[in-house]
């Protein structure tokens, strides 16, 4: 039996709460009208720590560093690309409880995710 090929990717996500208990999320919109909400953060690069990936991605998406604390969840899943030439991804996502700088206001970072249209408390 032949083993299926896939790309293994780790990612780090920030679970940030405000004083009301709301969670900071990215709102994404797609060409077909679908929208979704995700946590800030993203894929770890080779040689990069999870904390490093978390801060790099948060700077790109929400315009600030975060201060990682406790690991809140680990989620493992398989993501298949719509492009047949791309290998499916086996993803392991690490969600960290994070603090934001005082008085942080939700803003788009300098390099938002594709389809990202807003950063908001939810």
Protein backbone atom coordinates (compact mmCIF):
# COMPACT_ATOMS: atom_id res chain seq x y z
CA UNK A 1 0.00 0.00 0.00
CA UNK A 2 1.40 3.40 -1.01
CA UNK A 3 1.52 6.12 1.66
CA UNK A 4 -0.27 9.34 0.86
CA UNK A 5 2.01 12.37 0.52
CA UNK A 6 1.24 15.55 2.43
CA UNK A 7 2.90 18.67 3.78
CA UNK A 8 3.24 18.88 7.57
CA UNK A 9 2.71 22.40 8.98
CA UNK A 10 2.59 23.73 12.53
CA UNK A 11 0.76 26.94 13.26
CA UNK A 12 0.38 29.16 16.32
CA UNK A 13 -2.80 31.11 17.11
CA UNK A 14 -3.45 33.88 19.63
CA UNK A 15 -6.46 33.71 21.96
CA UNK A 16 -6.72 37.35 23.11
CA UNK A 17 -9.53 38.55 25.38
CA UNK A 18 -10.51 42.07 26.38
CA UNK A 19 -11.86 43.15 29.77
CA UNK A 20 -15.40 42.15 28.68
CA UNK A 21 -14.26 38.64 27.74
CA UNK A 22 -14.60 39.22 23.98
CA UNK A 23 -12.08 37.40 21.74
CA UNK A 24 -10.05 39.17 19.04
CA UNK A 25 -10.79 37.67 15.61
CA UNK A 26 -10.07 38.24 11.94
CA UNK A 27 -13.07 38.45 9.63
CA UNK A 28 -12.48 37.03 6.15
CA UNK A 29 -14.66 37.36 3.06
CA UNK A 30 -14.48 35.19 -0.04
CA UNK A 31 -15.47 35.76 -3.67
CA UNK A 32 -18.50 33.46 -3.30
CA UNK A 33 -19.90 35.64 -0.47
CA UNK A 34 -18.90 33.26 2.31
CA UNK A 35 -17.36 34.79 5.40
CA UNK A 36 -15.58 33.26 8.37
CA UNK A 37 -13.84 34.32 11.56
CA UNK A 38 -10.40 33.08 12.60
CA UNK A 39 -7.93 33.72 15.37
CA UNK A 40 -4.84 35.78 14.55
CA UNK A 41 -1.66 33.80 13.93
CA UNK A 42 -0.38 31.38 11.37
CA UNK A 43 2.19 28.95 10.08
CA UNK A 44 5.57 28.37 11.65
CA UNK A 45 8.56 28.80 9.31
CA UNK A 46 11.50 26.32 9.39
CA UNK A 47 13.87 27.22 12.26
CA UNK A 48 11.30 29.54 13.88
CA UNK A 49 9.92 28.99 17.40
CA UNK A 50 6.14 28.86 17.89
CA UNK A 51 6.35 32.10 19.92
CA UNK A 52 8.32 33.70 17.08
CA UNK A 53 5.77 32.57 14.51
CA UNK A 54 2.94 33.87 16.69
CA UNK A 55 4.47 37.34 17.01
CA UNK A 56 5.46 37.58 13.33
CA UNK A 57 1.98 36.56 12.19
CA UNK A 58 0.22 38.86 14.70
CA UNK A 59 2.32 41.82 13.56
CA UNK A 60 1.34 41.06 9.96
CA UNK A 61 -2.38 40.55 10.70
CA UNK A 62 -3.29 42.73 13.72
CA UNK A 63 -0.43 45.24 13.76
CA UNK A 64 1.08 44.38 17.15
CA UNK A 65 3.16 41.95 19.18
CA UNK A 66 1.37 39.65 21.58
CA UNK A 67 2.59 38.25 24.89
CA UNK A 68 2.01 34.46 24.83
CA UNK A 69 0.97 32.66 27.99
CA UNK A 70 -0.55 29.24 28.57
CA UNK A 71 -1.24 26.74 25.82
CA UNK A 72 -5.06 26.61 25.55
CA UNK A 73 -5.60 24.01 22.83
CA UNK A 74 -3.99 21.79 20.21
CA UNK A 75 -5.95 20.97 17.06
CA UNK A 76 -4.82 18.53 14.39
CA UNK A 77 -6.51 18.42 11.00
CA UNK A 78 -6.01 17.79 7.32
CA UNK A 79 -6.54 20.62 4.84
CA UNK A 80 -6.98 19.85 1.15
CA UNK A 81 -6.22 22.62 -1.35
CA UNK A 82 -8.63 23.57 -4.12
CA UNK A 83 -5.58 23.47 -6.40
CA UNK A 84 -4.98 19.83 -7.43
CA UNK A 85 -1.23 20.39 -7.93
CA UNK A 86 -0.76 21.26 -4.22
CA UNK A 87 -0.19 18.54 -1.65
CA UNK A 88 -2.75 18.25 1.14
CA UNK A 89 -1.59 19.71 4.45
CA UNK A 90 -1.49 17.89 7.77
CA UNK A 91 -1.77 20.81 10.19
CA UNK A 92 -1.13 20.95 13.92
CA UNK A 93 -2.41 24.20 15.42
CA UNK A 94 -1.31 25.44 18.86
CA UNK A 95 -3.55 28.05 20.49
CA UNK A 96 -1.96 30.23 23.18
CA UNK A 97 -3.70 32.55 25.61
CA UNK A 98 -2.11 35.92 24.87
CA UNK A 99 -2.02 39.43 26.27
CA UNK A 100 -2.07 42.46 24.01
CA UNK A 101 -0.39 45.80 24.70
CA UNK A 102 -2.49 48.07 26.94
CA UNK A 103 -5.08 50.13 25.07
CA UNK A 104 -4.77 48.01 21.90
CA UNK A 105 -7.42 48.91 19.32
CA UNK A 106 -8.23 46.38 16.57
CA UNK A 107 -6.46 47.36 13.33
CA UNK A 108 -5.39 45.63 10.15
CA UNK A 109 -1.69 44.80 10.14
CA UNK A 110 0.78 45.64 7.35
CA UNK A 111 0.44 42.20 5.69
CA UNK A 112 -3.05 40.81 6.40
CA UNK A 113 -4.12 37.27 5.53
CA UNK A 114 -5.62 36.79 2.11
CA UNK A 115 -9.33 37.55 2.29
CA UNK A 116 -8.88 39.32 5.68
CA UNK A 117 -11.13 42.40 5.76
CA UNK A 118 -11.40 43.30 9.45
CA UNK A 119 -10.01 42.78 12.94
CA UNK A 120 -12.64 42.95 15.67
CA UNK A 121 -13.67 41.93 19.16
CA UNK A 122 -16.38 39.26 19.15
